[in-house]
């Protein structure tokens, strides 16, 4: 291994990126076994937590491009996982809500994602996992 590669591979940004890539791959594979893609899971989770919720609020909340959001919501609605209906607060807008089938699938996906994260963090003790999560929360600026 060259000195340049060793220098890069000890950078926290490199290590975080590698860990994130591995985590995403593990979670994506777990979700795929449930028939769901990553962004579909993110949006379905957001709808379940926020719903009924306006599409524009979903775009802001999850950080997905509005055009991509339309496609994801169309897929979720076609699968019977969400419904769109007039927003009870503003009838000019549609609100998105999760269906009973969507809640059941989401519960399975959440278990699968937790299991994938357990696999990712398997080399760490419980205390180390908690510390890593706390440190990543601080570094990422998440609250």
C-alpha atoms as a PDB file:
ATOM      1  CA  UNK A   1       0.000   0.000   0.000  1.00  0.00           C
ATOM      2  CA  UNK A   2       1.366   3.407  -0.924  1.00  0.00           C
ATOM      3  CA  UNK A   3       1.863   6.199   1.589  1.00  0.00           C
ATOM      4  CA  UNK A   4      -0.914   8.222  -0.086  1.00  0.00           C
ATOM      5  CA  UNK A   5      -3.430   5.452   0.436  1.00  0.00           C
ATOM      6  CA  UNK A   6      -2.425   4.997   4.061  1.00  0.00           C
ATOM      7  CA  UNK A   7      -2.749   8.747   4.586  1.00  0.00           C
ATOM      8  CA  UNK A   8      -6.240   8.779   3.088  1.00  0.00           C
ATOM      9  CA  UNK A   9      -7.466   5.648   4.836  1.00  0.00           C
ATOM     10  CA  UNK A  10      -6.912   7.074   8.305  1.00  0.00           C
ATOM     11  CA  UNK A  11      -8.989  10.195   7.662  1.00  0.00           C
ATOM     12  CA  UNK A  12     -12.251  10.222   9.601  1.00  0.00           C
ATOM     13  CA  UNK A  13     -14.093  11.322   6.445  1.00  0.00           C
ATOM     14  CA  UNK A  14     -12.783   8.263   4.571  1.00  0.00           C
ATOM     15  CA  UNK A  15     -13.674   5.911   7.410  1.00  0.00           C
ATOM     16  CA  UNK A  16     -17.140   7.433   7.845  1.00  0.00           C
ATOM     17  CA  UNK A  17     -17.776   7.109   4.121  1.00  0.00           C
ATOM     18  CA  UNK A  18     -16.728   3.469   4.101  1.00  0.00           C
ATOM     19  CA  UNK A  19     -18.863   2.694   7.146  1.00  0.00           C
ATOM     20  CA  UNK A  20     -21.823   4.541   5.598  1.00  0.00           C
ATOM     21  CA  UNK A  21     -21.436   2.625   2.328  1.00  0.00           C
ATOM     22  CA  UNK A  22     -21.411  -0.674   4.203  1.00  0.00           C
ATOM     23  CA  UNK A  23     -24.383   0.335   6.342  1.00  0.00           C
ATOM     24  CA  UNK A  24     -26.402   1.455   3.316  1.00  0.00           C
ATOM     25  CA  UNK A  25     -25.628  -1.791   1.498  1.00  0.00           C
ATOM     26  CA  UNK A  26     -26.703  -3.909   4.473  1.00  0.00           C
ATOM     27  CA  UNK A  27     -29.926  -1.961   4.992  1.00  0.00           C
ATOM     28  CA  UNK A  28     -30.725  -1.849   1.257  1.00  0.00           C
ATOM     29  CA  UNK A  29     -30.332  -5.633   1.031  1.00  0.00           C
ATOM     30  CA  UNK A  30     -32.557  -6.131   4.093  1.00  0.00           C
ATOM     31  CA  UNK A  31     -35.226  -3.822   2.667  1.00  0.00           C
ATOM     32  CA  UNK A  32     -35.026  -5.494  -0.743  1.00  0.00           C
ATOM     33  CA  UNK A  33     -35.896  -8.803   0.909  1.00  0.00           C
ATOM     34  CA  UNK A  34     -39.096  -7.075   2.069  1.00  0.00           C
ATOM     35  CA  UNK A  35     -39.692  -5.701  -1.449  1.00  0.00           C
ATOM     36  CA  UNK A  36     -38.826  -2.086  -0.656  1.00  0.00           C
ATOM     37  CA  UNK A  37     -36.120   0.295  -1.877  1.00  0.00           C
ATOM     38  CA  UNK A  38     -34.262   2.653   0.440  1.00  0.00           C
ATOM     39  CA  UNK A  39     -36.046   5.890  -0.572  1.00  0.00           C
ATOM     40  CA  UNK A  40     -39.411   4.127  -0.469  1.00  0.00           C
ATOM     41  CA  UNK A  41     -38.655   3.112   3.112  1.00  0.00           C
ATOM     42  CA  UNK A  42     -37.588   6.640   4.046  1.00  0.00           C
ATOM     43  CA  UNK A  43     -40.738   8.186   2.583  1.00  0.00           C
ATOM     44  CA  UNK A  44     -43.036   5.507   4.015  1.00  0.00           C
ATOM     45  CA  UNK A  45     -41.456   6.053   7.455  1.00  0.00           C
ATOM     46  CA  UNK A  46     -41.919   9.813   7.163  1.00  0.00           C
ATOM     47  CA  UNK A  47     -45.560   9.451   6.107  1.00  0.00           C
ATOM     48  CA  UNK A  48     -46.220   7.089   9.015  1.00  0.00           C
ATOM     49  CA  UNK A  49     -44.631   9.530  11.460  1.00  0.00           C
ATOM     50  CA  UNK A  50     -46.017  12.790  10.058  1.00  0.00           C
ATOM     51  CA  UNK A  51     -49.183  11.752   8.238  1.00  0.00           C
ATOM     52  CA  UNK A  52     -51.447  12.896   6.988  1.00  0.00           C
ATOM     53  CA  UNK A  53     -48.754  15.089   5.482  1.00  0.00           C
ATOM     54  CA  UNK A  54     -48.532  17.378   2.452  1.00  0.00           C
ATOM     55  CA  UNK A  55     -46.216  16.256  -0.323  1.00  0.00           C
ATOM     56  CA  UNK A  56     -44.219  19.510  -0.109  1.00  0.00           C
ATOM     57  CA  UNK A  57     -43.630  18.902   3.593  1.00  0.00           C
ATOM     58  CA  UNK A  58     -42.358  15.403   2.797  1.00  0.00           C
ATOM     59  CA  UNK A  59     -39.935  16.848   0.234  1.00  0.00           C
ATOM     60  CA  UNK A  60     -38.536  19.251   2.847  1.00  0.00           C
ATOM     61  CA  UNK A  61     -38.538  16.660   5.605  1.00  0.00           C
ATOM     62  CA  UNK A  62     -36.631  13.899   3.851  1.00  0.00           C
ATOM     63  CA  UNK A  63     -34.556  15.976   1.426  1.00  0.00           C
ATOM     64  CA  UNK A  64     -35.727  14.251  -1.744  1.00  0.00           C
ATOM     65  CA  UNK A  65     -36.157  16.167  -4.998  1.00  0.00           C
ATOM     66  CA  UNK A  66     -39.837  16.976  -5.646  1.00  0.00           C
ATOM     67  CA  UNK A  67     -39.865  15.110  -8.985  1.00  0.00           C
ATOM     68  CA  UNK A  68     -38.341  12.035  -7.357  1.00  0.00           C
ATOM     69  CA  UNK A  69     -40.869  12.298  -4.528  1.00  0.00           C
ATOM     70  CA  UNK A  70     -43.726  12.057  -7.030  1.00  0.00           C
ATOM     71  CA  UNK A  71     -42.283   8.814  -8.392  1.00  0.00           C
ATOM     72  CA  UNK A  72     -41.747   7.316  -4.947  1.00  0.00           C
ATOM     73  CA  UNK A  73     -45.250   8.270  -3.822  1.00  0.00           C
ATOM     74  CA  UNK A  74     -46.734   6.871  -7.044  1.00  0.00           C
ATOM     75  CA  UNK A  75     -44.926   3.578  -6.397  1.00  0.00           C
ATOM     76  CA  UNK A  76     -46.077   3.483  -2.772  1.00  0.00           C
ATOM     77  CA  UNK A  77     -49.657   4.317  -3.737  1.00  0.00           C
ATOM     78  CA  UNK A  78     -49.680   1.736  -6.553  1.00  0.00           C
ATOM     79  CA  UNK A  79     -48.546  -0.860  -3.992  1.00  0.00           C
ATOM     80  CA  UNK A  80     -51.368   0.138  -1.634  1.00  0.00           C
ATOM     81  CA  UNK A  81     -48.977   1.417   1.027  1.00  0.00           C
ATOM     82  CA  UNK A  82     -50.083   5.078   1.053  1.00  0.00           C
ATOM     83  CA  UNK A  83     -53.132   7.051  -0.036  1.00  0.00           C
ATOM     84  CA  UNK A  84     -53.499  10.636  -1.173  1.00  0.00           C
ATOM     85  CA  UNK A  85     -56.573  12.596  -0.132  1.00  0.00           C
ATOM     86  CA  UNK A  86     -57.513  16.260   0.212  1.00  0.00           C
ATOM     87  CA  UNK A  87     -55.592  17.860   3.083  1.00  0.00           C
ATOM     88  CA  UNK A  88     -58.001  18.447   5.968  1.00  0.00           C
ATOM     89  CA  UNK A  89     -56.283  21.800   6.684  1.00  0.00           C
ATOM     90  CA  UNK A  90     -56.081  23.026   3.075  1.00  0.00           C
ATOM     91  CA  UNK A  91     -58.434  21.351   0.589  1.00  0.00           C
ATOM     92  CA  UNK A  92     -56.360  22.743  -2.322  1.00  0.00           C
ATOM     93  CA  UNK A  93     -53.555  20.344  -1.375  1.00  0.00           C
ATOM     94  CA  UNK A  94     -53.331  16.599  -1.091  1.00  0.00           C
ATOM     95  CA  UNK A  95     -52.172  14.917   2.084  1.00  0.00           C
ATOM     96  CA  UNK A  96     -50.462  11.537   2.120  1.00  0.00           C
ATOM     97  CA  UNK A  97     -51.343   8.899   4.717  1.00  0.00           C
ATOM     98  CA  UNK A  98     -50.043   5.401   5.326  1.00  0.00           C
ATOM     99  CA  UNK A  99     -52.419   2.459   4.895  1.00  0.00           C
ATOM    100  CA  UNK A 100     -52.737  -0.559   7.172  1.00  0.00           C
ATOM    101  CA  UNK A 101     -50.703  -2.578   4.644  1.00  0.00           C
ATOM    102  CA  UNK A 102     -48.094   0.186   4.690  1.00  0.00           C
ATOM    103  CA  UNK A 103     -47.860   0.050   8.491  1.00  0.00           C
ATOM    104  CA  UNK A 104     -47.431  -3.732   8.453  1.00  0.00           C
ATOM    105  CA  UNK A 105     -44.688  -3.537   5.808  1.00  0.00           C
ATOM    106  CA  UNK A 106     -43.021  -0.667   7.644  1.00  0.00           C
ATOM    107  CA  UNK A 107     -42.905  -2.701  10.859  1.00  0.00           C
ATOM    108  CA  UNK A 108     -41.192  -5.567   9.019  1.00  0.00           C
ATOM    109  CA  UNK A 109     -38.771  -3.160   7.335  1.00  0.00           C
ATOM    110  CA  UNK A 110     -37.904  -1.467  10.615  1.00  0.00           C
ATOM    111  CA  UNK A 111     -37.047  -4.859  12.140  1.00  0.00           C
ATOM    112  CA  UNK A 112     -34.969  -5.724   9.069  1.00  0.00           C
ATOM    113  CA  UNK A 113     -33.134  -2.372   9.188  1.00  0.00           C
ATOM    114  CA  UNK A 114     -32.375  -2.788  12.906  1.00  0.00           C
ATOM    115  CA  UNK A 115     -31.011  -6.265  12.225  1.00  0.00           C
ATOM    116  CA  UNK A 116     -28.826  -4.895   9.402  1.00  0.00           C
ATOM    117  CA  UNK A 117     -27.525  -2.162  11.721  1.00  0.00           C
ATOM    118  CA  UNK A 118     -26.792  -4.784  14.366  1.00  0.00           C
ATOM    119  CA  UNK A 119     -24.729  -6.628  11.761  1.00  0.00           C
ATOM    120  CA  UNK A 120     -22.892  -3.408  10.881  1.00  0.00           C
ATOM    121  CA  UNK A 121     -22.065  -2.743  14.528  1.00  0.00           C
ATOM    122  CA  UNK A 122     -21.417  -6.368  15.524  1.00  0.00           C
ATOM    123  CA  UNK A 123     -17.686  -5.761  16.208  1.00  0.00           C
ATOM    124  CA  UNK A 124     -18.603  -3.199  18.898  1.00  0.00           C
ATOM    125  CA  UNK A 125     -19.783  -3.685  22.464  1.00  0.00           C
ATOM    126  CA  UNK A 126     -23.099  -2.188  23.572  1.00  0.00           C
ATOM    127  CA  UNK A 127     -21.258   0.695  25.237  1.00  0.00           C
ATOM    128  CA  UNK A 128     -19.174   1.305  22.109  1.00  0.00           C
ATOM    129  CA  UNK A 129     -22.324   1.295  19.951  1.00  0.00           C
ATOM    130  CA  UNK A 130     -23.948   3.904  22.181  1.00  0.00           C
ATOM    131  CA  UNK A 131     -20.797   6.024  22.153  1.00  0.00           C
ATOM    132  CA  UNK A 132     -20.437   5.750  18.366  1.00  0.00           C
ATOM    133  CA  UNK A 133     -24.061   6.751  17.879  1.00  0.00           C
ATOM    134  CA  UNK A 134     -23.671   9.731  20.203  1.00  0.00           C
ATOM    135  CA  UNK A 135     -20.473  10.859  18.459  1.00  0.00           C
ATOM    136  CA  UNK A 136     -21.969  10.443  14.981  1.00  0.00           C
ATOM    137  CA  UNK A 137     -24.997  12.442  16.068  1.00  0.00           C
ATOM    138  CA  UNK A 138     -22.724  15.286  17.152  1.00  0.00           C
ATOM    139  CA  UNK A 139     -20.507  15.137  14.066  1.00  0.00           C
ATOM    140  CA  UNK A 140     -23.455  14.994  11.661  1.00  0.00           C
ATOM    141  CA  UNK A 141     -25.243  17.898  13.309  1.00  0.00           C
ATOM    142  CA  UNK A 142     -28.351  15.753  13.757  1.00  0.00           C
ATOM    143  CA  UNK A 143     -30.553  16.448  16.709  1.00  0.00           C
END
